[in-house]
Structures are given as structure tokens and as C-alpha cells.
Amino acid sequence: INFMGWFRQAPGKGREFVAAISWSA
């Protein structure tokens, strides 16, 4: 793992980036 991220998908919409964090720093 370099980055862990969160995405979200609302009804009828594509997958959207929400946030990401580097595992180390």
C-alpha cells in the first residue's frame, strides 16, 4: 500500500474520488 483512497458512487452516477492518504507520511 502506497496510498489508501475513498471513492463514492451515487445512484445513476459514476464513481467519484473523495480522498486519499499516503500510508507512510
PDBML (XML) file of the C-alpha atoms, coordinates in Angstrom:
<?xml version="1.0" encoding="UTF-8" ?>
<PDBx:datablock datablockName="MODEL"
   xmlns:PDBx="http://pdbml.pdb.org/schema/pdbx-v50.xsd"
   xmlns:xsi="http://www.w3.org/2001/XMLSchema-instance"
   xsi:schemaLocation="http://pdbml.pdb.org/schema/pdbx-v50.xsd pdbx-v50.xsd">
   <PDBx:atom_siteCategory>
      <PDBx:atom_site id="1">
         <PDBx:B_iso_or_equiv>0.00</PDBx:B_iso_or_equiv>
         <PDBx:Cartn_x>0.000</PDBx:Cartn_x>
         <PDBx:Cartn_y>0.000</PDBx:Cartn_y>
         <PDBx:Cartn_z>0.000</PDBx:Cartn_z>
         <PDBx:auth_asym_id>A</PDBx:auth_asym_id>
         <PDBx:auth_atom_id>CA</PDBx:auth_atom_id>
         <PDBx:auth_comp_id>ILE</PDBx:auth_comp_id>
         <PDBx:auth_seq_id>1</PDBx:auth_seq_id>
         <PDBx:group_PDB>ATOM</PDBx:group_PDB>
         <PDBx:label_alt_id xsi:nil="true" />
         <PDBx:label_asym_id>A</PDBx:label_asym_id>
         <PDBx:label_atom_id>CA</PDBx:label_atom_id>
         <PDBx:label_comp_id>ILE</PDBx:label_comp_id>
         <PDBx:label_entity_id>1</PDBx:label_entity_id>
         <PDBx:label_seq_id>1</PDBx:label_seq_id>
         <PDBx:occupancy>1.00</PDBx:occupancy>
         <PDBx:pdbx_PDB_model_num>1</PDBx:pdbx_PDB_model_num>
         <PDBx:type_symbol>C</PDBx:type_symbol>
      </PDBx:atom_site>
      <PDBx:atom_site id="2">
         <PDBx:B_iso_or_equiv>0.00</PDBx:B_iso_or_equiv>
         <PDBx:Cartn_x>1.344</PDBx:Cartn_x>
         <PDBx:Cartn_y>3.374</PDBx:Cartn_y>
         <PDBx:Cartn_z>-1.065</PDBx:Cartn_z>
         <PDBx:auth_asym_id>A</PDBx:auth_asym_id>
         <PDBx:auth_atom_id>CA</PDBx:auth_atom_id>
         <PDBx:auth_comp_id>ASN</PDBx:auth_comp_id>
         <PDBx:auth_seq_id>2</PDBx:auth_seq_id>
         <PDBx:group_PDB>ATOM</PDBx:group_PDB>
         <PDBx:label_alt_id xsi:nil="true" />
         <PDBx:label_asym_id>A</PDBx:label_asym_id>
         <PDBx:label_atom_id>CA</PDBx:label_atom_id>
         <PDBx:label_comp_id>ASN</PDBx:label_comp_id>
         <PDBx:label_entity_id>1</PDBx:label_entity_id>
         <PDBx:label_seq_id>2</PDBx:label_seq_id>
         <PDBx:occupancy>1.00</PDBx:occupancy>
         <PDBx:pdbx_PDB_model_num>1</PDBx:pdbx_PDB_model_num>
         <PDBx:type_symbol>C</PDBx:type_symbol>
      </PDBx:atom_site>
      <PDBx:atom_site id="3">
         <PDBx:B_iso_or_equiv>0.00</PDBx:B_iso_or_equiv>
         <PDBx:Cartn_x>-1.978</PDBx:Cartn_x>
         <PDBx:Cartn_y>5.254</PDBx:Cartn_y>
         <PDBx:Cartn_z>-0.871</PDBx:Cartn_z>
         <PDBx:auth_asym_id>A</PDBx:auth_asym_id>
         <PDBx:auth_atom_id>CA</PDBx:auth_atom_id>
         <PDBx:auth_comp_id>PHE</PDBx:auth_comp_id>
         <PDBx:auth_seq_id>3</PDBx:auth_seq_id>
         <PDBx:group_PDB>ATOM</PDBx:group_PDB>
         <PDBx:label_alt_id xsi:nil="true" />
         <PDBx:label_asym_id>A</PDBx:label_asym_id>
         <PDBx:label_atom_id>CA</PDBx:label_atom_id>
         <PDBx:label_comp_id>PHE</PDBx:label_comp_id>
         <PDBx:label_entity_id>1</PDBx:label_entity_id>
         <PDBx:label_seq_id>3</PDBx:label_seq_id>
         <PDBx:occupancy>1.00</PDBx:occupancy>
         <PDBx:pdbx_PDB_model_num>1</PDBx:pdbx_PDB_model_num>
         <PDBx:type_symbol>C</PDBx:type_symbol>
      </PDBx:atom_site>
      <PDBx:atom_site id="4">
         <PDBx:B_iso_or_equiv>0.00</PDBx:B_iso_or_equiv>
         <PDBx:Cartn_x>-5.342</PDBx:Cartn_x>
         <PDBx:Cartn_y>4.315</PDBx:Cartn_y>
         <PDBx:Cartn_z>0.532</PDBx:Cartn_z>
         <PDBx:auth_asym_id>A</PDBx:auth_asym_id>
         <PDBx:auth_atom_id>CA</PDBx:auth_atom_id>
         <PDBx:auth_comp_id>MET</PDBx:auth_comp_id>
         <PDBx:auth_seq_id>4</PDBx:auth_seq_id>
         <PDBx:group_PDB>ATOM</PDBx:group_PDB>
         <PDBx:label_alt_id xsi:nil="true" />
         <PDBx:label_asym_id>A</PDBx:label_asym_id>
         <PDBx:label_atom_id>CA</PDBx:label_atom_id>
         <PDBx:label_comp_id>MET</PDBx:label_comp_id>
         <PDBx:label_entity_id>1</PDBx:label_entity_id>
         <PDBx:label_seq_id>4</PDBx:label_seq_id>
         <PDBx:occupancy>1.00</PDBx:occupancy>
         <PDBx:pdbx_PDB_model_num>1</PDBx:pdbx_PDB_model_num>
         <PDBx:type_symbol>C</PDBx:type_symbol>
      </PDBx:atom_site>
      <PDBx:atom_site id="5">
         <PDBx:B_iso_or_equiv>0.00</PDBx:B_iso_or_equiv>
         <PDBx:Cartn_x>-8.274</PDBx:Cartn_x>
         <PDBx:Cartn_y>6.113</PDBx:Cartn_y>
         <PDBx:Cartn_z>-1.054</PDBx:Cartn_z>
         <PDBx:auth_asym_id>A</PDBx:auth_asym_id>
         <PDBx:auth_atom_id>CA</PDBx:auth_atom_id>
         <PDBx:auth_comp_id>GLY</PDBx:auth_comp_id>
         <PDBx:auth_seq_id>5</PDBx:auth_seq_id>
         <PDBx:group_PDB>ATOM</PDBx:group_PDB>
         <PDBx:label_alt_id xsi:nil="true" />
         <PDBx:label_asym_id>A</PDBx:label_asym_id>
         <PDBx:label_atom_id>CA</PDBx:label_atom_id>
         <PDBx:label_comp_id>GLY</PDBx:label_comp_id>
         <PDBx:label_entity_id>1</PDBx:label_entity_id>
         <PDBx:label_seq_id>5</PDBx:label_seq_id>
         <PDBx:occupancy>1.00</PDBx:occupancy>
         <PDBx:pdbx_PDB_model_num>1</PDBx:pdbx_PDB_model_num>
         <PDBx:type_symbol>C</PDBx:type_symbol>
      </PDBx:atom_site>
      <PDBx:atom_site id="6">
         <PDBx:B_iso_or_equiv>0.00</PDBx:B_iso_or_equiv>
         <PDBx:Cartn_x>-12.013</PDBx:Cartn_x>
         <PDBx:Cartn_y>6.528</PDBx:Cartn_y>
         <PDBx:Cartn_z>-0.741</PDBx:Cartn_z>
         <PDBx:auth_asym_id>A</PDBx:auth_asym_id>
         <PDBx:auth_atom_id>CA</PDBx:auth_atom_id>
         <PDBx:auth_comp_id>TRP</PDBx:auth_comp_id>
         <PDBx:auth_seq_id>6</PDBx:auth_seq_id>
         <PDBx:group_PDB>ATOM</PDBx:group_PDB>
         <PDBx:label_alt_id xsi:nil="true" />
         <PDBx:label_asym_id>A</PDBx:label_asym_id>
         <PDBx:label_atom_id>CA</PDBx:label_atom_id>
         <PDBx:label_comp_id>TRP</PDBx:label_comp_id>
         <PDBx:label_entity_id>1</PDBx:label_entity_id>
         <PDBx:label_seq_id>6</PDBx:label_seq_id>
         <PDBx:occupancy>1.00</PDBx:occupancy>
         <PDBx:pdbx_PDB_model_num>1</PDBx:pdbx_PDB_model_num>
         <PDBx:type_symbol>C</PDBx:type_symbol>
      </PDBx:atom_site>
      <PDBx:atom_site id="7">
         <PDBx:B_iso_or_equiv>0.00</PDBx:B_iso_or_equiv>
         <PDBx:Cartn_x>-14.410</PDBx:Cartn_x>
         <PDBx:Cartn_y>6.740</PDBx:Cartn_y>
         <PDBx:Cartn_z>-3.680</PDBx:Cartn_z>
         <PDBx:auth_asym_id>A</PDBx:auth_asym_id>
         <PDBx:auth_atom_id>CA</PDBx:auth_atom_id>
         <PDBx:auth_comp_id>PHE</PDBx:auth_comp_id>
         <PDBx:auth_seq_id>7</PDBx:auth_seq_id>
         <PDBx:group_PDB>ATOM</PDBx:group_PDB>
         <PDBx:label_alt_id xsi:nil="true" />
         <PDBx:label_asym_id>A</PDBx:label_asym_id>
         <PDBx:label_atom_id>CA</PDBx:label_atom_id>
         <PDBx:label_comp_id>PHE</PDBx:label_comp_id>
         <PDBx:label_entity_id>1</PDBx:label_entity_id>
         <PDBx:label_seq_id>7</PDBx:label_seq_id>
         <PDBx:occupancy>1.00</PDBx:occupancy>
         <PDBx:pdbx_PDB_model_num>1</PDBx:pdbx_PDB_model_num>
         <PDBx:type_symbol>C</PDBx:type_symbol>
      </PDBx:atom_site>
      <PDBx:atom_site id="8">
         <PDBx:B_iso_or_equiv>0.00</PDBx:B_iso_or_equiv>
         <PDBx:Cartn_x>-18.172</PDBx:Cartn_x>
         <PDBx:Cartn_y>7.072</PDBx:Cartn_y>
         <PDBx:Cartn_z>-3.802</PDBx:Cartn_z>
         <PDBx:auth_asym_id>A</PDBx:auth_asym_id>
         <PDBx:auth_atom_id>CA</PDBx:auth_atom_id>
         <PDBx:auth_comp_id>ARG</PDBx:auth_comp_id>
         <PDBx:auth_seq_id>8</PDBx:auth_seq_id>
         <PDBx:group_PDB>ATOM</PDBx:group_PDB>
         <PDBx:label_alt_id xsi:nil="true" />
         <PDBx:label_asym_id>A</PDBx:label_asym_id>
         <PDBx:label_atom_id>CA</PDBx:label_atom_id>
         <PDBx:label_comp_id>ARG</PDBx:label_comp_id>
         <PDBx:label_entity_id>1</PDBx:label_entity_id>
         <PDBx:label_seq_id>8</PDBx:label_seq_id>
         <PDBx:occupancy>1.00</PDBx:occupancy>
         <PDBx:pdbx_PDB_model_num>1</PDBx:pdbx_PDB_model_num>
         <PDBx:type_symbol>C</PDBx:type_symbol>
      </PDBx:atom_site>
      <PDBx:atom_site id="9">
         <PDBx:B_iso_or_equiv>0.00</PDBx:B_iso_or_equiv>
         <PDBx:Cartn_x>-20.866</PDBx:Cartn_x>
         <PDBx:Cartn_y>6.274</PDBx:Cartn_y>
         <PDBx:Cartn_z>-6.308</PDBx:Cartn_z>
         <PDBx:auth_asym_id>A</PDBx:auth_asym_id>
         <PDBx:auth_atom_id>CA</PDBx:auth_atom_id>
         <PDBx:auth_comp_id>GLN</PDBx:auth_comp_id>
         <PDBx:auth_seq_id>9</PDBx:auth_seq_id>
         <PDBx:group_PDB>ATOM</PDBx:group_PDB>
         <PDBx:label_alt_id xsi:nil="true" />
         <PDBx:label_asym_id>A</PDBx:label_asym_id>
         <PDBx:label_atom_id>CA</PDBx:label_atom_id>
         <PDBx:label_comp_id>GLN</PDBx:label_comp_id>
         <PDBx:label_entity_id>1</PDBx:label_entity_id>
         <PDBx:label_seq_id>9</PDBx:label_seq_id>
         <PDBx:occupancy>1.00</PDBx:occupancy>
         <PDBx:pdbx_PDB_model_num>1</PDBx:pdbx_PDB_model_num>
         <PDBx:type_symbol>C</PDBx:type_symbol>
      </PDBx:atom_site>
      <PDBx:atom_site id="10">
         <PDBx:B_iso_or_equiv>0.00</PDBx:B_iso_or_equiv>
         <PDBx:Cartn_x>-24.305</PDBx:Cartn_x>
         <PDBx:Cartn_y>7.862</PDBx:Cartn_y>
         <PDBx:Cartn_z>-6.166</PDBx:Cartn_z>
         <PDBx:auth_asym_id>A</PDBx:auth_asym_id>
         <PDBx:auth_atom_id>CA</PDBx:auth_atom_id>
         <PDBx:auth_comp_id>ALA</PDBx:auth_comp_id>
         <PDBx:auth_seq_id>10</PDBx:auth_seq_id>
         <PDBx:group_PDB>ATOM</PDBx:group_PDB>
         <PDBx:label_alt_id xsi:nil="true" />
         <PDBx:label_asym_id>A</PDBx:label_asym_id>
         <PDBx:label_atom_id>CA</PDBx:label_atom_id>
         <PDBx:label_comp_id>ALA</PDBx:label_comp_id>
         <PDBx:label_entity_id>1</PDBx:label_entity_id>
         <PDBx:label_seq_id>10</PDBx:label_seq_id>
         <PDBx:occupancy>1.00</PDBx:occupancy>
         <PDBx:pdbx_PDB_model_num>1</PDBx:pdbx_PDB_model_num>
         <PDBx:type_symbol>C</PDBx:type_symbol>
      </PDBx:atom_site>
      <PDBx:atom_site id="11">
         <PDBx:B_iso_or_equiv>0.00</PDBx:B_iso_or_equiv>
         <PDBx:Cartn_x>-27.307</PDBx:Cartn_x>
         <PDBx:Cartn_y>6.323</PDBx:Cartn_y>
         <PDBx:Cartn_z>-7.952</PDBx:Cartn_z>
         <PDBx:auth_asym_id>A</PDBx:auth_asym_id>
         <PDBx:auth_atom_id>CA</PDBx:auth_atom_id>
         <PDBx:auth_comp_id>PRO</PDBx:auth_comp_id>
         <PDBx:auth_seq_id>11</PDBx:auth_seq_id>
         <PDBx:group_PDB>ATOM</PDBx:group_PDB>
         <PDBx:label_alt_id xsi:nil="true" />
         <PDBx:label_asym_id>A</PDBx:label_asym_id>
         <PDBx:label_atom_id>CA</PDBx:label_atom_id>
         <PDBx:label_comp_id>PRO</PDBx:label_comp_id>
         <PDBx:label_entity_id>1</PDBx:label_entity_id>
         <PDBx:label_seq_id>11</PDBx:label_seq_id>
         <PDBx:occupancy>1.00</PDBx:occupancy>
         <PDBx:pdbx_PDB_model_num>1</PDBx:pdbx_PDB_model_num>
         <PDBx:type_symbol>C</PDBx:type_symbol>
      </PDBx:atom_site>
      <PDBx:atom_site id="12">
         <PDBx:B_iso_or_equiv>0.00</PDBx:B_iso_or_equiv>
         <PDBx:Cartn_x>-27.039</PDBx:Cartn_x>
         <PDBx:Cartn_y>6.862</PDBx:Cartn_y>
         <PDBx:Cartn_z>-11.697</PDBx:Cartn_z>
         <PDBx:auth_asym_id>A</PDBx:auth_asym_id>
         <PDBx:auth_atom_id>CA</PDBx:auth_atom_id>
         <PDBx:auth_comp_id>GLY</PDBx:auth_comp_id>
         <PDBx:auth_seq_id>12</PDBx:auth_seq_id>
         <PDBx:group_PDB>ATOM</PDBx:group_PDB>
         <PDBx:label_alt_id xsi:nil="true" />
         <PDBx:label_asym_id>A</PDBx:label_asym_id>
         <PDBx:label_atom_id>CA</PDBx:label_atom_id>
         <PDBx:label_comp_id>GLY</PDBx:label_comp_id>
         <PDBx:label_entity_id>1</PDBx:label_entity_id>
         <PDBx:label_seq_id>12</PDBx:label_seq_id>
         <PDBx:occupancy>1.00</PDBx:occupancy>
         <PDBx:pdbx_PDB_model_num>1</PDBx:pdbx_PDB_model_num>
         <PDBx:type_symbol>C</PDBx:type_symbol>
      </PDBx:atom_site>
      <PDBx:atom_site id="13">
         <PDBx:B_iso_or_equiv>0.00</PDBx:B_iso_or_equiv>
         <PDBx:Cartn_x>-23.587</PDBx:Cartn_x>
         <PDBx:Cartn_y>8.444</PDBx:Cartn_y>
         <PDBx:Cartn_z>-11.456</PDBx:Cartn_z>
         <PDBx:auth_asym_id>A</PDBx:auth_asym_id>
         <PDBx:auth_atom_id>CA</PDBx:auth_atom_id>
         <PDBx:auth_comp_id>LYS</PDBx:auth_comp_id>
         <PDBx:auth_seq_id>13</PDBx:auth_seq_id>
         <PDBx:group_PDB>ATOM</PDBx:group_PDB>
         <PDBx:label_alt_id xsi:nil="true" />
         <PDBx:label_asym_id>A</PDBx:label_asym_id>
         <PDBx:label_atom_id>CA</PDBx:label_atom_id>
         <PDBx:label_comp_id>LYS</PDBx:label_comp_id>
         <PDBx:label_entity_id>1</PDBx:label_entity_id>
         <PDBx:label_seq_id>13</PDBx:label_seq_id>
         <PDBx:occupancy>1.00</PDBx:occupancy>
         <PDBx:pdbx_PDB_model_num>1</PDBx:pdbx_PDB_model_num>
         <PDBx:type_symbol>C</PDBx:type_symbol>
      </PDBx:atom_site>
      <PDBx:atom_site id="14">
         <PDBx:B_iso_or_equiv>0.00</PDBx:B_iso_or_equiv>
         <PDBx:Cartn_x>-20.023</PDBx:Cartn_x>
         <PDBx:Cartn_y>7.334</PDBx:Cartn_y>
         <PDBx:Cartn_z>-11.977</PDBx:Cartn_z>
         <PDBx:auth_asym_id>A</PDBx:auth_asym_id>
         <PDBx:auth_atom_id>CA</PDBx:auth_atom_id>
         <PDBx:auth_comp_id>GLY</PDBx:auth_comp_id>
         <PDBx:auth_seq_id>14</PDBx:auth_seq_id>
         <PDBx:group_PDB>ATOM</PDBx:group_PDB>
         <PDBx:label_alt_id xsi:nil="true" />
         <PDBx:label_asym_id>A</PDBx:label_asym_id>
         <PDBx:label_atom_id>CA</PDBx:label_atom_id>
         <PDBx:label_comp_id>GLY</PDBx:label_comp_id>
         <PDBx:label_entity_id>1</PDBx:label_entity_id>
         <PDBx:label_seq_id>14</PDBx:label_seq_id>
         <PDBx:occupancy>1.00</PDBx:occupancy>
         <PDBx:pdbx_PDB_model_num>1</PDBx:pdbx_PDB_model_num>
         <PDBx:type_symbol>C</PDBx:type_symbol>
      </PDBx:atom_site>
      <PDBx:atom_site id="15">
         <PDBx:B_iso_or_equiv>0.00</PDBx:B_iso_or_equiv>
         <PDBx:Cartn_x>-17.501</PDBx:Cartn_x>
         <PDBx:Cartn_y>6.540</PDBx:Cartn_y>
         <PDBx:Cartn_z>-9.288</PDBx:Cartn_z>
         <PDBx:auth_asym_id>A</PDBx:auth_asym_id>
         <PDBx:auth_atom_id>CA</PDBx:auth_atom_id>
         <PDBx:auth_comp_id>ARG</PDBx:auth_comp_id>
         <PDBx:auth_seq_id>15</PDBx:auth_seq_id>
         <PDBx:group_PDB>ATOM</PDBx:group_PDB>
         <PDBx:label_alt_id xsi:nil="true" />
         <PDBx:label_asym_id>A</PDBx:label_asym_id>
         <PDBx:label_atom_id>CA</PDBx:label_atom_id>
         <PDBx:label_comp_id>ARG</PDBx:label_comp_id>
         <PDBx:label_entity_id>1</PDBx:label_entity_id>
         <PDBx:label_seq_id>15</PDBx:label_seq_id>
         <PDBx:occupancy>1.00</PDBx:occupancy>
         <PDBx:pdbx_PDB_model_num>1</PDBx:pdbx_PDB_model_num>
         <PDBx:type_symbol>C</PDBx:type_symbol>
      </PDBx:atom_site>
      <PDBx:atom_site id="16">
         <PDBx:B_iso_or_equiv>0.00</PDBx:B_iso_or_equiv>
         <PDBx:Cartn_x>-16.123</PDBx:Cartn_x>
         <PDBx:Cartn_y>9.768</PDBx:Cartn_y>
         <PDBx:Cartn_z>-7.782</PDBx:Cartn_z>
         <PDBx:auth_asym_id>A</PDBx:auth_asym_id>
         <PDBx:auth_atom_id>CA</PDBx:auth_atom_id>
         <PDBx:auth_comp_id>GLU</PDBx:auth_comp_id>
         <PDBx:auth_seq_id>16</PDBx:auth_seq_id>
         <PDBx:group_PDB>ATOM</PDBx:group_PDB>
         <PDBx:label_alt_id xsi:nil="true" />
         <PDBx:label_asym_id>A</PDBx:label_asym_id>
         <PDBx:label_atom_id>CA</PDBx:label_atom_id>
         <PDBx:label_comp_id>GLU</PDBx:label_comp_id>
         <PDBx:label_entity_id>1</PDBx:label_entity_id>
         <PDBx:label_seq_id>16</PDBx:label_seq_id>
         <PDBx:occupancy>1.00</PDBx:occupancy>
         <PDBx:pdbx_PDB_model_num>1</PDBx:pdbx_PDB_model_num>
         <PDBx:type_symbol>C</PDBx:type_symbol>
      </PDBx:atom_site>
      <PDBx:atom_site id="17">
         <PDBx:B_iso_or_equiv>0.00</PDBx:B_iso_or_equiv>
         <PDBx:Cartn_x>-12.836</PDBx:Cartn_x>
         <PDBx:Cartn_y>10.305</PDBx:Cartn_y>
         <PDBx:Cartn_z>-5.950</PDBx:Cartn_z>
         <PDBx:auth_asym_id>A</PDBx:auth_asym_id>
         <PDBx:auth_atom_id>CA</PDBx:auth_atom_id>
         <PDBx:auth_comp_id>PHE</PDBx:auth_comp_id>
         <PDBx:auth_seq_id>17</PDBx:auth_seq_id>
         <PDBx:group_PDB>ATOM</PDBx:group_PDB>
         <PDBx:label_alt_id xsi:nil="true" />
         <PDBx:label_asym_id>A</PDBx:label_asym_id>
         <PDBx:label_atom_id>CA</PDBx:label_atom_id>
         <PDBx:label_comp_id>PHE</PDBx:label_comp_id>
         <PDBx:label_entity_id>1</PDBx:label_entity_id>
         <PDBx:label_seq_id>17</PDBx:label_seq_id>
         <PDBx:occupancy>1.00</PDBx:occupancy>
         <PDBx:pdbx_PDB_model_num>1</PDBx:pdbx_PDB_model_num>
         <PDBx:type_symbol>C</PDBx:type_symbol>
      </PDBx:atom_site>
      <PDBx:atom_site id="18">
         <PDBx:B_iso_or_equiv>0.00</PDBx:B_iso_or_equiv>
         <PDBx:Cartn_x>-13.311</PDBx:Cartn_x>
         <PDBx:Cartn_y>11.514</PDBx:Cartn_y>
         <PDBx:Cartn_z>-2.377</PDBx:Cartn_z>
         <PDBx:auth_asym_id>A</PDBx:auth_asym_id>
         <PDBx:auth_atom_id>CA</PDBx:auth_atom_id>
         <PDBx:auth_comp_id>VAL</PDBx:auth_comp_id>
         <PDBx:auth_seq_id>18</PDBx:auth_seq_id>
         <PDBx:group_PDB>ATOM</PDBx:group_PDB>
         <PDBx:label_alt_id xsi:nil="true" />
         <PDBx:label_asym_id>A</PDBx:label_asym_id>
         <PDBx:label_atom_id>CA</PDBx:label_atom_id>
         <PDBx:label_comp_id>VAL</PDBx:label_comp_id>
         <PDBx:label_entity_id>1</PDBx:label_entity_id>
         <PDBx:label_seq_id>18</PDBx:label_seq_id>
         <PDBx:occupancy>1.00</PDBx:occupancy>
         <PDBx:pdbx_PDB_model_num>1</PDBx:pdbx_PDB_model_num>
         <PDBx:type_symbol>C</PDBx:type_symbol>
      </PDBx:atom_site>
      <PDBx:atom_site id="19">
         <PDBx:B_iso_or_equiv>0.00</PDBx:B_iso_or_equiv>
         <PDBx:Cartn_x>-9.969</PDBx:Cartn_x>
         <PDBx:Cartn_y>11.405</PDBx:Cartn_y>
         <PDBx:Cartn_z>-0.554</PDBx:Cartn_z>
         <PDBx:auth_asym_id>A</PDBx:auth_asym_id>
         <PDBx:auth_atom_id>CA</PDBx:auth_atom_id>
         <PDBx:auth_comp_id>ALA</PDBx:auth_comp_id>
         <PDBx:auth_seq_id>19</PDBx:auth_seq_id>
         <PDBx:group_PDB>ATOM</PDBx:group_PDB>
         <PDBx:label_alt_id xsi:nil="true" />
         <PDBx:label_asym_id>A</PDBx:label_asym_id>
         <PDBx:label_atom_id>CA</PDBx:label_atom_id>
         <PDBx:label_comp_id>ALA</PDBx:label_comp_id>
         <PDBx:label_entity_id>1</PDBx:label_entity_id>
         <PDBx:label_seq_id>19</PDBx:label_seq_id>
         <PDBx:occupancy>1.00</PDBx:occupancy>
         <PDBx:pdbx_PDB_model_num>1</PDBx:pdbx_PDB_model_num>
         <PDBx:type_symbol>C</PDBx:type_symbol>
      </PDBx:atom_site>
      <PDBx:atom_site id="20">
         <PDBx:B_iso_or_equiv>0.00</PDBx:B_iso_or_equiv>
         <PDBx:Cartn_x>-6.611</PDBx:Cartn_x>
         <PDBx:Cartn_y>9.639</PDBx:Cartn_y>
         <PDBx:Cartn_z>-0.388</PDBx:Cartn_z>
         <PDBx:auth_asym_id>A</PDBx:auth_asym_id>
         <PDBx:auth_atom_id>CA</PDBx:auth_atom_id>
         <PDBx:auth_comp_id>ALA</PDBx:auth_comp_id>
         <PDBx:auth_seq_id>20</PDBx:auth_seq_id>
         <PDBx:group_PDB>ATOM</PDBx:group_PDB>
         <PDBx:label_alt_id xsi:nil="true" />
         <PDBx:label_asym_id>A</PDBx:label_asym_id>
         <PDBx:label_atom_id>CA</PDBx:label_atom_id>
         <PDBx:label_comp_id>ALA</PDBx:label_comp_id>
         <PDBx:label_entity_id>1</PDBx:label_entity_id>
         <PDBx:label_seq_id>20</PDBx:label_seq_id>
         <PDBx:occupancy>1.00</PDBx:occupancy>
         <PDBx:pdbx_PDB_model_num>1</PDBx:pdbx_PDB_model_num>
         <PDBx:type_symbol>C</PDBx:type_symbol>
      </PDBx:atom_site>
      <PDBx:atom_site id="21">
         <PDBx:B_iso_or_equiv>0.00</PDBx:B_iso_or_equiv>
         <PDBx:Cartn_x>-3.806</PDBx:Cartn_x>
         <PDBx:Cartn_y>9.307</PDBx:Cartn_y>
         <PDBx:Cartn_z>2.149</PDBx:Cartn_z>
         <PDBx:auth_asym_id>A</PDBx:auth_asym_id>
         <PDBx:auth_atom_id>CA</PDBx:auth_atom_id>
         <PDBx:auth_comp_id>ILE</PDBx:auth_comp_id>
         <PDBx:auth_seq_id>21</PDBx:auth_seq_id>
         <PDBx:group_PDB>ATOM</PDBx:group_PDB>
         <PDBx:label_alt_id xsi:nil="true" />
         <PDBx:label_asym_id>A</PDBx:label_asym_id>
         <PDBx:label_atom_id>CA</PDBx:label_atom_id>
         <PDBx:label_comp_id>ILE</PDBx:label_comp_id>
         <PDBx:label_entity_id>1</PDBx:label_entity_id>
         <PDBx:label_seq_id>21</PDBx:label_seq_id>
         <PDBx:occupancy>1.00</PDBx:occupancy>
         <PDBx:pdbx_PDB_model_num>1</PDBx:pdbx_PDB_model_num>
         <PDBx:type_symbol>C</PDBx:type_symbol>
      </PDBx:atom_site>
      <PDBx:atom_site id="22">
         <PDBx:B_iso_or_equiv>0.00</PDBx:B_iso_or_equiv>
         <PDBx:Cartn_x>-0.248</PDBx:Cartn_x>
         <PDBx:Cartn_y>8.034</PDBx:Cartn_y>
         <PDBx:Cartn_z>1.844</PDBx:Cartn_z>
         <PDBx:auth_asym_id>A</PDBx:auth_asym_id>
         <PDBx:auth_atom_id>CA</PDBx:auth_atom_id>
         <PDBx:auth_comp_id>SER</PDBx:auth_comp_id>
         <PDBx:auth_seq_id>22</PDBx:auth_seq_id>
         <PDBx:group_PDB>ATOM</PDBx:group_PDB>
         <PDBx:label_alt_id xsi:nil="true" />
         <PDBx:label_asym_id>A</PDBx:label_asym_id>
         <PDBx:label_atom_id>CA</PDBx:label_atom_id>
         <PDBx:label_comp_id>SER</PDBx:label_comp_id>
         <PDBx:label_entity_id>1</PDBx:label_entity_id>
         <PDBx:label_seq_id>22</PDBx:label_seq_id>
         <PDBx:occupancy>1.00</PDBx:occupancy>
         <PDBx:pdbx_PDB_model_num>1</PDBx:pdbx_PDB_model_num>
         <PDBx:type_symbol>C</PDBx:type_symbol>
      </PDBx:atom_site>
      <PDBx:atom_site id="23">
         <PDBx:B_iso_or_equiv>0.00</PDBx:B_iso_or_equiv>
         <PDBx:Cartn_x>0.334</PDBx:Cartn_x>
         <PDBx:Cartn_y>5.046</PDBx:Cartn_y>
         <PDBx:Cartn_z>4.080</PDBx:Cartn_z>
         <PDBx:auth_asym_id>A</PDBx:auth_asym_id>
         <PDBx:auth_atom_id>CA</PDBx:auth_atom_id>
         <PDBx:auth_comp_id>TRP</PDBx:auth_comp_id>
         <PDBx:auth_seq_id>23</PDBx:auth_seq_id>
         <PDBx:group_PDB>ATOM</PDBx:group_PDB>
         <PDBx:label_alt_id xsi:nil="true" />
         <PDBx:label_asym_id>A</PDBx:label_asym_id>
         <PDBx:label_atom_id>CA</PDBx:label_atom_id>
         <PDBx:label_comp_id>TRP</PDBx:label_comp_id>
         <PDBx:label_entity_id>1</PDBx:label_entity_id>
         <PDBx:label_seq_id>23</PDBx:label_seq_id>
         <PDBx:occupancy>1.00</PDBx:occupancy>
         <PDBx:pdbx_PDB_model_num>1</PDBx:pdbx_PDB_model_num>
         <PDBx:type_symbol>C</PDBx:type_symbol>
      </PDBx:atom_site>
      <PDBx:atom_site id="24">
         <PDBx:B_iso_or_equiv>0.00</PDBx:B_iso_or_equiv>
         <PDBx:Cartn_x>3.764</PDBx:Cartn_x>
         <PDBx:Cartn_y>6.215</PDBx:Cartn_y>
         <PDBx:Cartn_z>5.217</PDBx:Cartn_z>
         <PDBx:auth_asym_id>A</PDBx:auth_asym_id>
         <PDBx:auth_atom_id>CA</PDBx:auth_atom_id>
         <PDBx:auth_comp_id>SER</PDBx:auth_comp_id>
         <PDBx:auth_seq_id>24</PDBx:auth_seq_id>
         <PDBx:group_PDB>ATOM</PDBx:group_PDB>
         <PDBx:label_alt_id xsi:nil="true" />
         <PDBx:label_asym_id>A</PDBx:label_asym_id>
         <PDBx:label_atom_id>CA</PDBx:label_atom_id>
         <PDBx:label_comp_id>SER</PDBx:label_comp_id>
         <PDBx:label_entity_id>1</PDBx:label_entity_id>
         <PDBx:label_seq_id>24</PDBx:label_seq_id>
         <PDBx:occupancy>1.00</PDBx:occupancy>
         <PDBx:pdbx_PDB_model_num>1</PDBx:pdbx_PDB_model_num>
         <PDBx:type_symbol>C</PDBx:type_symbol>
      </PDBx:atom_site>
      <PDBx:atom_site id="25">
         <PDBx:B_iso_or_equiv>0.00</PDBx:B_iso_or_equiv>
         <PDBx:Cartn_x>3.819</PDBx:Cartn_x>
         <PDBx:Cartn_y>10.009</PDBx:Cartn_y>
         <PDBx:Cartn_z>5.589</PDBx:Cartn_z>
         <PDBx:auth_asym_id>A</PDBx:auth_asym_id>
         <PDBx:auth_atom_id>CA</PDBx:auth_atom_id>
         <PDBx:auth_comp_id>ALA</PDBx:auth_comp_id>
         <PDBx:auth_seq_id>25</PDBx:auth_seq_id>
         <PDBx:group_PDB>ATOM</PDBx:group_PDB>
         <PDBx:label_alt_id xsi:nil="true" />
         <PDBx:label_asym_id>A</PDBx:label_asym_id>
         <PDBx:label_atom_id>CA</PDBx:label_atom_id>
         <PDBx:label_comp_id>ALA</PDBx:label_comp_id>
         <PDBx:label_entity_id>1</PDBx:label_entity_id>
         <PDBx:label_seq_id>25</PDBx:label_seq_id>
         <PDBx:occupancy>1.00</PDBx:occupancy>
         <PDBx:pdbx_PDB_model_num>1</PDBx:pdbx_PDB_model_num>
         <PDBx:type_symbol>C</PDBx:type_symbol>
      </PDBx:atom_site>
   </PDBx:atom_siteCategory>
</PDBx:datablock>
